Amino acid sequence: MMNAIEEGRLRASDEHAASTMSGYPMLLVLLAAGAAMVWTISQLIADNHNWMTIGGIIFWPLVFTFFSVGFYMLQPNQAAVITLFGTYKGTDRTDGLRWVLPWLGKHKVSVRANNFISDRIKVNDSRGNPIEMAAQVVWRVVDTAQAVFDVDDYKEFVRVQVEVAIRTVASRHPYDDFEHQDITLRGHLEEVGVELLREVRERLKVAGITVDECGFTHLAYAQEIASAMLRRQQAQAVVAARQTLVEGAVGMVEQALADLSKRDVVELDDERRAAMVSNLMVVLCGERDTQPVVNAGSLY
């Protein structure tokens, strides 16, 4: 049973350098073969039918075809995966004109940085709220053998794994938290972005791909709950603001009563002290401007 399981596992490929040649010396050989082929044809036209011309009309086209098939061109930050009848023989990363034996296959792979922006997807945060998210990822191929042989289509693999990583990270954190006890998606974008970067890198490692940069491009509540969550946020913000306002007002009233008693400005019994506290709290916590009332008679 264990052997069957091990046989069913993916055999990870490993990139190594291929045995290839510079194409410029072979280009000279190709030109020489072409010149010899033209000379042979000219001899046939001149009715010089000897064994050299007859053999040359067969030999030189074969030589020309043999060398011409092995050429390929590599741009900077481009690689070629070399195979022999389905067997991986190595990777050529040297740019310029290159040449290999004609029976070797050549598959070009770009190792440049690629910018990918995911579609907006609907996910659930840790509290079950539906939210919309999208991310931007800068990725590149670092192991061409893994990218070509270990996954079917590495570009499609990147797209799917980025979406899965976004869903995984979103399920670990709430979208927002006014109690400031949890790491939130909205309030801790840098921390969550680092977590997403680690998650995407781990998932793309099997394809020989690394991620240089990762971040969110869109983050919002889903449309069906956006208005309700906006009212909830506004209500929580109002409550938090009023709590801060009340705490400040209580401190100011306490200081005012202490200063009045300390300086012997006026003596207040419990009833008048309570009335003064009530008036000060109304003045300090009210949303409208206070209207002064002038008492021209007795204090009582």
C-alpha atoms as a PDB file:
ATOM      1  CA  MET A   1       0.000   0.000   0.000  1.00  0.00           C
ATOM      2  CA  MET A   2       2.786   2.421   0.899  1.00  0.00           C
ATOM      3  CA  ASN A   3       4.561   1.761  -2.398  1.00  0.00           C
ATOM      4  CA  ALA A   4       1.357   2.472  -4.307  1.00  0.00           C
ATOM      5  CA  ILE A   5       0.943   5.787  -2.465  1.00  0.00           C
ATOM      6  CA  GLU A   6       4.541   6.793  -3.120  1.00  0.00           C
ATOM      7  CA  GLU A   7       4.183   5.933  -6.808  1.00  0.00           C
ATOM      8  CA  GLY A   8       1.111   8.161  -7.027  1.00  0.00           C
ATOM      9  CA  ARG A   9       2.899  11.221  -5.664  1.00  0.00           C
ATOM     10  CA  LEU A  10       4.143  14.016  -7.885  1.00  0.00           C
ATOM     11  CA  ARG A  11       7.807  13.663  -8.747  1.00  0.00           C
ATOM     12  CA  ALA A  12       9.266  17.141  -8.375  1.00  0.00           C
ATOM     13  CA  SER A  13      11.483  18.252 -11.242  1.00  0.00           C
ATOM     14  CA  ASP A  14      14.763  20.084 -10.718  1.00  0.00           C
ATOM     15  CA  GLU A  15      16.242  22.556 -13.157  1.00  0.00           C
ATOM     16  CA  HIS A  16      19.817  22.067 -14.349  1.00  0.00           C
ATOM     17  CA  ALA A  17      21.894  23.540 -17.166  1.00  0.00           C
ATOM     18  CA  ALA A  18      21.532  22.043 -20.634  1.00  0.00           C
ATOM     19  CA  SER A  19      24.392  21.204 -22.981  1.00  0.00           C
ATOM     20  CA  THR A  20      23.965  23.709 -25.810  1.00  0.00           C
ATOM     21  CA  MET A  21      26.233  25.692 -28.131  1.00  0.00           C
ATOM     22  CA  SER A  22      26.526  29.217 -29.385  1.00  0.00           C
ATOM     23  CA  GLY A  23      24.754  29.592 -32.698  1.00  0.00           C
ATOM     24  CA  TYR A  24      27.303  31.882 -34.357  1.00  0.00           C
ATOM     25  CA  PRO A  25      29.940  29.227 -35.244  1.00  0.00           C
ATOM     26  CA  MET A  26      27.158  26.985 -36.489  1.00  0.00           C
ATOM     27  CA  LEU A  27      25.870  29.882 -38.565  1.00  0.00           C
ATOM     28  CA  LEU A  28      29.221  29.972 -40.389  1.00  0.00           C
ATOM     29  CA  VAL A  29      28.950  26.225 -41.007  1.00  0.00           C
ATOM     30  CA  LEU A  30      25.427  26.752 -42.342  1.00  0.00           C
ATOM     31  CA  LEU A  31      26.607  29.488 -44.709  1.00  0.00           C
ATOM     32  CA  ALA A  32      29.438  27.268 -45.913  1.00  0.00           C
ATOM     33  CA  ALA A  33      27.003  24.426 -46.567  1.00  0.00           C
ATOM     34  CA  GLY A  34      24.758  26.837 -48.451  1.00  0.00           C
ATOM     35  CA  ALA A  35      27.647  28.054 -50.568  1.00  0.00           C
ATOM     36  CA  ALA A  36      28.680  24.451 -51.325  1.00  0.00           C
ATOM     37  CA  MET A  37      25.117  23.649 -52.313  1.00  0.00           C
ATOM     38  CA  VAL A  38      25.006  26.638 -54.707  1.00  0.00           C
ATOM     39  CA  TRP A  39      28.372  25.587 -56.218  1.00  0.00           C
ATOM     40  CA  THR A  40      27.084  22.047 -56.750  1.00  0.00           C
ATOM     41  CA  ILE A  41      23.971  23.333 -58.510  1.00  0.00           C
ATOM     42  CA  SER A  42      26.092  25.585 -60.726  1.00  0.00           C
ATOM     43  CA  GLN A  43      28.246  22.568 -61.712  1.00  0.00           C
ATOM     44  CA  LEU A  44      25.133  20.633 -62.671  1.00  0.00           C
ATOM     45  CA  ILE A  45      23.930  23.533 -64.787  1.00  0.00           C
ATOM     46  CA  ALA A  46      27.336  23.557 -66.528  1.00  0.00           C
ATOM     47  CA  ASP A  47      26.853  19.837 -67.378  1.00  0.00           C
ATOM     48  CA  ASN A  48      29.776  18.865 -65.151  1.00  0.00           C
ATOM     49  CA  HIS A  49      28.326  15.535 -64.099  1.00  0.00           C
ATOM     50  CA  ASN A  50      31.007  13.863 -62.030  1.00  0.00           C
ATOM     51  CA  TRP A  51      30.799  11.946 -58.767  1.00  0.00           C
ATOM     52  CA  MET A  52      31.441  15.116 -56.684  1.00  0.00           C
ATOM     53  CA  THR A  53      28.527  17.048 -58.133  1.00  0.00           C
ATOM     54  CA  ILE A  54      26.170  14.091 -57.997  1.00  0.00           C
ATOM     55  CA  GLY A  55      27.098  13.289 -54.397  1.00  0.00           C
ATOM     56  CA  GLY A  56      27.065  16.971 -53.451  1.00  0.00           C
ATOM     57  CA  ILE A  57      23.526  17.528 -54.680  1.00  0.00           C
ATOM     58  CA  ILE A  58      22.437  14.969 -52.064  1.00  0.00           C
ATOM     59  CA  PHE A  59      24.923  15.644 -49.268  1.00  0.00           C
ATOM     60  CA  TRP A  60      24.932  19.433 -48.976  1.00  0.00           C
ATOM     61  CA  PRO A  61      21.145  19.924 -48.736  1.00  0.00           C
ATOM     62  CA  LEU A  62      21.130  17.355 -45.948  1.00  0.00           C
ATOM     63  CA  VAL A  63      23.914  19.217 -44.142  1.00  0.00           C
ATOM     64  CA  PHE A  64      22.135  22.542 -44.637  1.00  0.00           C
ATOM     65  CA  THR A  65      18.875  21.131 -43.252  1.00  0.00           C
ATOM     66  CA  PHE A  66      20.659  19.436 -40.320  1.00  0.00           C
ATOM     67  CA  PHE A  67      22.257  22.644 -39.066  1.00  0.00           C
ATOM     68  CA  SER A  68      19.333  24.982 -39.820  1.00  0.00           C
ATOM     69  CA  VAL A  69      16.870  23.015 -37.676  1.00  0.00           C
ATOM     70  CA  GLY A  70      18.972  23.372 -34.497  1.00  0.00           C
ATOM     71  CA  PHE A  71      18.935  27.184 -34.279  1.00  0.00           C
ATOM     72  CA  TYR A  72      16.865  29.151 -31.762  1.00  0.00           C
ATOM     73  CA  MET A  73      16.998  32.643 -30.298  1.00  0.00           C
ATOM     74  CA  LEU A  74      16.759  33.634 -26.622  1.00  0.00           C
ATOM     75  CA  GLN A  75      15.977  37.155 -25.429  1.00  0.00           C
ATOM     76  CA  PRO A  76      17.268  38.482 -22.072  1.00  0.00           C
ATOM     77  CA  ASN A  77      15.381  36.899 -19.146  1.00  0.00           C
ATOM     78  CA  GLN A  78      14.184  34.079 -21.339  1.00  0.00           C
ATOM     79  CA  ALA A  79      15.020  30.379 -21.029  1.00  0.00           C
ATOM     80  CA  ALA A  80      14.651  27.293 -23.211  1.00  0.00           C
ATOM     81  CA  VAL A  81      13.737  23.898 -21.798  1.00  0.00           C
ATOM     82  CA  ILE A  82      15.548  21.205 -23.777  1.00  0.00           C
ATOM     83  CA  THR A  83      13.986  17.725 -24.106  1.00  0.00           C
ATOM     84  CA  LEU A  84      14.873  14.513 -25.885  1.00  0.00           C
ATOM     85  CA  PHE A  85      11.827  12.440 -26.829  1.00  0.00           C
ATOM     86  CA  GLY A  86       9.989  13.620 -23.690  1.00  0.00           C
ATOM     87  CA  THR A  87      12.996  13.382 -21.355  1.00  0.00           C
ATOM     88  CA  TYR A  88      14.178  16.595 -19.700  1.00  0.00           C
ATOM     89  CA  LYS A  89      17.794  17.308 -20.675  1.00  0.00           C
ATOM     90  CA  GLY A  90      18.292  20.726 -19.077  1.00  0.00           C
ATOM     91  CA  THR A  91      17.548  24.426 -19.380  1.00  0.00           C
ATOM     92  CA  ASP A  92      19.448  26.998 -21.435  1.00  0.00           C
ATOM     93  CA  ARG A  93      19.408  30.541 -19.961  1.00  0.00           C
ATOM     94  CA  THR A  94      22.098  32.104 -22.215  1.00  0.00           C
ATOM     95  CA  ASP A  95      20.585  34.794 -24.412  1.00  0.00           C
ATOM     96  CA  GLY A  96      21.486  35.257 -28.053  1.00  0.00           C
ATOM     97  CA  LEU A  97      21.649  32.863 -30.998  1.00  0.00           C
ATOM     98  CA  ARG A  98      21.871  29.271 -29.736  1.00  0.00           C
ATOM     99  CA  TRP A  99      22.135  25.839 -31.340  1.00  0.00           C
ATOM    100  CA  VAL A 100      21.361  22.252 -30.269  1.00  0.00           C
ATOM    101  CA  LEU A 101      21.160  18.964 -32.084  1.00  0.00           C
ATOM    102  CA  PRO A 102      18.096  18.851 -34.368  1.00  0.00           C
ATOM    103  CA  TRP A 103      16.421  15.954 -32.558  1.00  0.00           C
ATOM    104  CA  LEU A 104      16.301  17.880 -29.272  1.00  0.00           C
ATOM    105  CA  GLY A 105      13.072  19.718 -28.486  1.00  0.00           C
ATOM    106  CA  LYS A 106      13.075  23.374 -27.420  1.00  0.00           C
ATOM    107  CA  HIS A 107      10.357  25.006 -25.284  1.00  0.00           C
ATOM    108  CA  LYS A 108      10.825  28.695 -24.457  1.00  0.00           C
ATOM    109  CA  VAL A 109       9.807  29.964 -21.018  1.00  0.00           C
ATOM    110  CA  SER A 110       9.821  33.587 -19.880  1.00  0.00           C
ATOM    111  CA  VAL A 111      11.537  34.197 -16.529  1.00  0.00           C
ATOM    112  CA  ARG A 112      10.570  37.874 -16.457  1.00  0.00           C
ATOM    113  CA  ALA A 113       8.396  39.417 -13.772  1.00  0.00           C
ATOM    114  CA  ASN A 114       4.666  39.146 -14.475  1.00  0.00           C
ATOM    115  CA  ASN A 115       1.982  41.379 -13.013  1.00  0.00           C
ATOM    116  CA  PHE A 116      -1.317  39.668 -12.259  1.00  0.00           C
ATOM    117  CA  ILE A 117      -4.476  41.332 -10.891  1.00  0.00           C
ATOM    118  CA  SER A 118      -7.111  38.900  -9.749  1.00  0.00           C
ATOM    119  CA  ASP A 119     -10.813  39.301 -10.386  1.00  0.00           C
ATOM    120  CA  ARG A 120     -13.036  40.597  -7.624  1.00  0.00           C
ATOM    121  CA  ILE A 121     -14.224  37.562  -5.727  1.00  0.00           C
ATOM    122  CA  LYS A 122     -16.806  37.246  -2.966  1.00  0.00           C
ATOM    123  CA  VAL A 123     -15.441  35.632   0.193  1.00  0.00           C
ATOM    124  CA  ASN A 124     -16.467  35.330   3.847  1.00  0.00           C
ATOM    125  CA  ASP A 125     -14.385  36.812   6.640  1.00  0.00           C
ATOM    126  CA  SER A 126     -13.847  35.080   9.997  1.00  0.00           C
ATOM    127  CA  ARG A 127     -17.264  36.286  11.202  1.00  0.00           C
ATOM    128  CA  GLY A 128     -19.125  35.056   8.132  1.00  0.00           C
ATOM    129  CA  ASN A 129     -19.662  38.485   6.563  1.00  0.00           C
ATOM    130  CA  PRO A 130     -19.572  38.418   2.749  1.00  0.00           C
ATOM    131  CA  ILE A 131     -16.912  40.754   1.377  1.00  0.00           C
ATOM    132  CA  GLU A 132     -15.377  41.474  -2.012  1.00  0.00           C
ATOM    133  CA  MET A 133     -11.626  41.219  -2.462  1.00  0.00           C
ATOM    134  CA  ALA A 134      -9.045  41.450  -5.237  1.00  0.00           C
ATOM    135  CA  ALA A 135      -5.259  41.289  -5.129  1.00  0.00           C
ATOM    136  CA  GLN A 136      -2.273  42.253  -7.250  1.00  0.00           C
ATOM    137  CA  VAL A 137       0.616  39.796  -7.489  1.00  0.00           C
ATOM    138  CA  VAL A 138       4.057  40.178  -9.090  1.00  0.00           C
ATOM    139  CA  TRP A 139       5.422  36.711  -9.852  1.00  0.00           C
ATOM    140  CA  ARG A 140       8.158  35.098 -11.941  1.00  0.00           C
ATOM    141  CA  VAL A 141       9.416  31.637 -12.835  1.00  0.00           C
ATOM    142  CA  VAL A 142      12.560  30.571 -10.944  1.00  0.00           C
ATOM    143  CA  ASP A 143      12.589  26.851 -11.851  1.00  0.00           C
ATOM    144  CA  THR A 144      11.657  26.257 -15.475  1.00  0.00           C
ATOM    145  CA  ALA A 145      11.600  22.468 -15.078  1.00  0.00           C
ATOM    146  CA  GLN A 146       8.945  22.641 -12.354  1.00  0.00           C
ATOM    147  CA  ALA A 147       6.916  25.241 -14.263  1.00  0.00           C
ATOM    148  CA  VAL A 148       6.818  23.135 -17.443  1.00  0.00           C
ATOM    149  CA  PHE A 149       6.676  19.565 -16.126  1.00  0.00           C
ATOM    150  CA  ASP A 150       5.134  19.701 -12.623  1.00  0.00           C
ATOM    151  CA  VAL A 151       1.951  21.654 -13.488  1.00  0.00           C
ATOM    152  CA  ASP A 152      -0.212  21.510 -16.578  1.00  0.00           C
ATOM    153  CA  ASP A 153      -0.477  25.274 -17.198  1.00  0.00           C
ATOM    154  CA  TYR A 154       1.558  27.371 -14.786  1.00  0.00           C
ATOM    155  CA  LYS A 155      -0.152  30.664 -15.693  1.00  0.00           C
ATOM    156  CA  GLU A 156      -3.583  29.234 -14.983  1.00  0.00           C
ATOM    157  CA  PHE A 157      -2.112  27.629 -11.862  1.00  0.00           C
ATOM    158  CA  VAL A 158      -1.060  31.084 -10.621  1.00  0.00           C
ATOM    159  CA  ARG A 159      -4.558  32.485 -11.189  1.00  0.00           C
ATOM    160  CA  VAL A 160      -6.303  29.688  -9.286  1.00  0.00           C
ATOM    161  CA  GLN A 161      -3.853  29.577  -6.385  1.00  0.00           C
ATOM    162  CA  VAL A 162      -3.981  33.353  -5.854  1.00  0.00           C
ATOM    163  CA  GLU A 163      -7.768  33.134  -5.579  1.00  0.00           C
ATOM    164  CA  VAL A 164      -7.515  30.260  -3.094  1.00  0.00           C
ATOM    165  CA  ALA A 165      -4.932  32.173  -1.044  1.00  0.00           C
ATOM    166  CA  ILE A 166      -7.213  35.234  -0.875  1.00  0.00           C
ATOM    167  CA  ARG A 167     -10.077  33.093   0.409  1.00  0.00           C
ATOM    168  CA  THR A 168      -7.823  31.425   2.980  1.00  0.00           C
ATOM    169  CA  VAL A 169      -6.431  34.684   4.373  1.00  0.00           C
ATOM    170  CA  ALA A 170      -9.861  36.351   4.426  1.00  0.00           C
ATOM    171  CA  SER A 171     -11.332  33.494   6.461  1.00  0.00           C
ATOM    172  CA  ARG A 172      -8.763  34.074   9.227  1.00  0.00           C
ATOM    173  CA  HIS A 173      -9.593  37.707  10.014  1.00  0.00           C
ATOM    174  CA  PRO A 174     -12.683  39.912  10.403  1.00  0.00           C
ATOM    175  CA  TYR A 175     -13.259  42.748   8.003  1.00  0.00           C
ATOM    176  CA  ASP A 176     -13.468  45.320  10.794  1.00  0.00           C
ATOM    177  CA  ASP A 177     -13.345  45.414  14.594  1.00  0.00           C
ATOM    178  CA  PHE A 178     -14.146  48.558  16.576  1.00  0.00           C
ATOM    179  CA  GLU A 179     -12.959  46.917  19.782  1.00  0.00           C
ATOM    180  CA  HIS A 180      -9.408  46.802  18.349  1.00  0.00           C
ATOM    181  CA  GLN A 181      -8.810  43.290  19.646  1.00  0.00           C
ATOM    182  CA  ASP A 182      -8.261  41.416  16.374  1.00  0.00           C
ATOM    183  CA  ILE A 183      -6.154  41.937  13.277  1.00  0.00           C
ATOM    184  CA  THR A 184      -8.648  43.153  10.690  1.00  0.00           C
ATOM    185  CA  LEU A 185      -8.573  43.138   6.918  1.00  0.00           C
ATOM    186  CA  ARG A 186      -9.384  46.840   6.679  1.00  0.00           C
ATOM    187  CA  GLY A 187      -7.310  48.163   9.561  1.00  0.00           C
ATOM    188  CA  HIS A 188      -4.165  46.049   9.132  1.00  0.00           C
ATOM    189  CA  LEU A 189      -3.592  45.941   5.379  1.00  0.00           C
ATOM    190  CA  GLU A 190       0.190  45.707   5.722  1.00  0.00           C
ATOM    191  CA  GLU A 191       0.122  42.756   8.127  1.00  0.00           C
ATOM    192  CA  VAL A 192      -2.553  40.947   6.126  1.00  0.00           C
ATOM    193  CA  GLY A 193      -0.630  41.664   2.903  1.00  0.00           C
ATOM    194  CA  VAL A 194       2.487  39.999   4.340  1.00  0.00           C
ATOM    195  CA  GLU A 195       0.376  37.006   5.341  1.00  0.00           C
ATOM    196  CA  LEU A 196      -1.088  36.797   1.844  1.00  0.00           C
ATOM    197  CA  LEU A 197       2.420  36.979   0.364  1.00  0.00           C
ATOM    198  CA  ARG A 198       3.550  34.011   2.466  1.00  0.00           C
ATOM    199  CA  GLU A 199       0.421  32.048   1.573  1.00  0.00           C
ATOM    200  CA  VAL A 200       0.792  32.626  -2.175  1.00  0.00           C
ATOM    201  CA  ARG A 201       4.514  31.809  -2.126  1.00  0.00           C
ATOM    202  CA  GLU A 202       3.874  28.538  -0.344  1.00  0.00           C
ATOM    203  CA  ARG A 203       1.166  27.530  -2.818  1.00  0.00           C
ATOM    204  CA  LEU A 204       3.207  28.417  -5.928  1.00  0.00           C
ATOM    205  CA  LYS A 205       6.395  26.726  -4.753  1.00  0.00           C
ATOM    206  CA  VAL A 206       5.348  23.437  -6.371  1.00  0.00           C
ATOM    207  CA  ALA A 207       5.288  25.164  -9.785  1.00  0.00           C
ATOM    208  CA  GLY A 208       8.767  26.693  -9.461  1.00  0.00           C
ATOM    209  CA  ILE A 209       7.304  30.196  -9.129  1.00  0.00           C
ATOM    210  CA  THR A 210       8.161  32.877  -6.585  1.00  0.00           C
ATOM    211  CA  VAL A 211       6.236  36.037  -5.667  1.00  0.00           C
ATOM    212  CA  ASP A 212       8.072  39.354  -5.332  1.00  0.00           C
ATOM    213  CA  GLU A 213       5.150  41.573  -4.348  1.00  0.00           C
ATOM    214  CA  CYS A 214       1.582  41.082  -3.231  1.00  0.00           C
ATOM    215  CA  GLY A 215      -1.172  43.427  -2.051  1.00  0.00           C
ATOM    216  CA  PHE A 216      -4.896  44.098  -2.110  1.00  0.00           C
ATOM    217  CA  THR A 217      -6.424  46.241  -4.850  1.00  0.00           C
ATOM    218  CA  HIS A 218     -10.041  46.007  -3.687  1.00  0.00           C
ATOM    219  CA  LEU A 219     -11.576  45.408  -0.267  1.00  0.00           C
ATOM    220  CA  ALA A 220     -15.216  46.139   0.579  1.00  0.00           C
ATOM    221  CA  TYR A 221     -18.381  44.615   1.971  1.00  0.00           C
ATOM    222  CA  ALA A 222     -20.553  42.783  -0.540  1.00  0.00           C
ATOM    223  CA  GLN A 223     -23.414  44.812  -1.995  1.00  0.00           C
ATOM    224  CA  GLU A 224     -26.162  42.891  -0.195  1.00  0.00           C
ATOM    225  CA  ILE A 225     -24.873  43.939   3.240  1.00  0.00           C
ATOM    226  CA  ALA A 226     -22.945  47.104   2.406  1.00  0.00           C
ATOM    227  CA  SER A 227     -25.708  49.525   3.459  1.00  0.00           C
ATOM    228  CA  ALA A 228     -26.463  47.622   6.684  1.00  0.00           C
ATOM    229  CA  MET A 229     -22.798  47.392   7.627  1.00  0.00           C
ATOM    230  CA  LEU A 230     -22.361  51.089   6.863  1.00  0.00           C
ATOM    231  CA  ARG A 231     -25.142  51.950   9.302  1.00  0.00           C
ATOM    232  CA  ARG A 232     -23.572  49.624  11.834  1.00  0.00           C
ATOM    233  CA  GLN A 233     -20.201  51.300  11.409  1.00  0.00           C
ATOM    234  CA  GLN A 234     -21.791  54.720  11.760  1.00  0.00           C
ATOM    235  CA  ALA A 235     -23.636  53.646  14.916  1.00  0.00           C
ATOM    236  CA  GLN A 236     -20.499  52.146  16.422  1.00  0.00           C
ATOM    237  CA  ALA A 237     -18.557  55.284  15.546  1.00  0.00           C
ATOM    238  CA  VAL A 238     -21.213  57.482  17.195  1.00  0.00           C
ATOM    239  CA  VAL A 239     -21.196  55.326  20.328  1.00  0.00           C
ATOM    240  CA  ALA A 240     -17.401  55.412  20.488  1.00  0.00           C
ATOM    241  CA  ALA A 241     -17.374  59.189  20.002  1.00  0.00           C
ATOM    242  CA  ARG A 242     -20.006  59.745  22.688  1.00  0.00           C
ATOM    243  CA  GLN A 243     -18.164  57.476  25.088  1.00  0.00           C
ATOM    244  CA  THR A 244     -15.038  59.561  24.640  1.00  0.00           C
ATOM    245  CA  LEU A 245     -17.090  62.756  25.005  1.00  0.00           C
ATOM    246  CA  VAL A 246     -18.730  61.576  28.230  1.00  0.00           C
ATOM    247  CA  GLU A 247     -15.430  60.490  29.734  1.00  0.00           C
ATOM    248  CA  GLY A 248     -13.971  63.924  29.004  1.00  0.00           C
ATOM    249  CA  ALA A 249     -17.051  65.716  30.350  1.00  0.00           C
ATOM    250  CA  VAL A 250     -16.966  63.750  33.607  1.00  0.00           C
ATOM    251  CA  GLY A 251     -13.346  64.708  34.105  1.00  0.00           C
ATOM    252  CA  MET A 252     -14.082  68.371  33.442  1.00  0.00           C
ATOM    253  CA  VAL A 253     -17.031  68.416  35.873  1.00  0.00           C
ATOM    254  CA  GLU A 254     -14.972  66.697  38.544  1.00  0.00           C
ATOM    255  CA  GLN A 255     -12.178  69.234  38.093  1.00  0.00           C
ATOM    256  CA  ALA A 256     -14.628  72.156  38.166  1.00  0.00           C
ATOM    257  CA  LEU A 257     -16.219  71.002  41.437  1.00  0.00           C
ATOM    258  CA  ALA A 258     -12.800  70.390  42.980  1.00  0.00           C
ATOM    259  CA  ASP A 259     -11.578  73.873  42.000  1.00  0.00           C
ATOM    260  CA  LEU A 260     -14.725  75.547  43.346  1.00  0.00           C
ATOM    261  CA  SER A 261     -14.371  73.776  46.683  1.00  0.00           C
ATOM    262  CA  LYS A 262     -10.634  74.417  46.851  1.00  0.00           C
ATOM    263  CA  ARG A 263     -10.941  78.172  46.217  1.00  0.00           C
ATOM    264  CA  ASP A 264     -14.054  78.663  48.382  1.00  0.00           C
ATOM    265  CA  VAL A 265     -15.870  80.310  45.521  1.00  0.00           C
ATOM    266  CA  VAL A 266     -19.247  78.937  46.558  1.00  0.00           C
ATOM    267  CA  GLU A 267     -20.515  76.371  49.021  1.00  0.00           C
ATOM    268  CA  LEU A 268     -22.771  73.757  47.510  1.00  0.00           C
ATOM    269  CA  ASP A 269     -24.877  71.212  49.266  1.00  0.00           C
ATOM    270  CA  ASP A 270     -25.660  67.854  47.701  1.00  0.00           C
ATOM    271  CA  GLU A 271     -28.788  69.084  45.928  1.00  0.00           C
ATOM    272  CA  ARG A 272     -27.096  72.103  44.343  1.00  0.00           C
ATOM    273  CA  ARG A 273     -24.040  70.046  43.537  1.00  0.00           C
ATOM    274  CA  ALA A 274     -26.243  67.543  41.681  1.00  0.00           C
ATOM    275  CA  ALA A 275     -27.977  70.363  39.792  1.00  0.00           C
ATOM    276  CA  MET A 276     -24.651  71.860  38.806  1.00  0.00           C
ATOM    277  CA  VAL A 277     -23.340  68.496  37.631  1.00  0.00           C
ATOM    278  CA  SER A 278     -26.489  68.004  35.552  1.00  0.00           C
ATOM    279  CA  ASN A 279     -26.194  71.435  33.947  1.00  0.00           C
ATOM    280  CA  LEU A 280     -22.508  71.000  33.152  1.00  0.00           C
ATOM    281  CA  MET A 281     -23.072  67.572  31.627  1.00  0.00           C
ATOM    282  CA  VAL A 282     -25.852  68.950  29.428  1.00  0.00           C
ATOM    283  CA  VAL A 283     -23.624  71.805  28.294  1.00  0.00           C
ATOM    284  CA  LEU A 284     -20.588  69.615  27.617  1.00  0.00           C
ATOM    285  CA  CYS A 285     -22.368  66.664  26.005  1.00  0.00           C
ATOM    286  CA  GLY A 286     -25.123  68.443  24.095  1.00  0.00           C
ATOM    287  CA  GLU A 287     -25.025  68.544  20.317  1.00  0.00           C
ATOM    288  CA  ARG A 288     -26.489  72.028  20.082  1.00  0.00           C
ATOM    289  CA  ASP A 289     -25.096  75.310  21.373  1.00  0.00           C
ATOM    290  CA  THR A 290     -26.254  76.156  24.881  1.00  0.00           C
ATOM    291  CA  GLN A 291     -28.639  79.072  25.504  1.00  0.00           C
ATOM    292  CA  PRO A 292     -27.753  81.079  28.649  1.00  0.00           C
ATOM    293  CA  VAL A 293     -30.503  81.800  31.156  1.00  0.00           C
ATOM    294  CA  VAL A 294     -30.089  84.889  33.370  1.00  0.00           C
ATOM    295  CA  ASN A 295     -31.444  84.484  36.895  1.00  0.00           C
ATOM    296  CA  ALA A 296     -32.235  87.964  38.226  1.00  0.00           C
ATOM    297  CA  GLY A 297     -33.743  86.730  41.486  1.00  0.00           C
ATOM    298  CA  SER A 298     -32.697  84.454  44.252  1.00  0.00           C
ATOM    299  CA  LEU A 299     -30.491  81.434  43.745  1.00  0.00           C
ATOM    300  CA  TYR A 300     -33.375  79.357  45.022  1.00  0.00           C
END
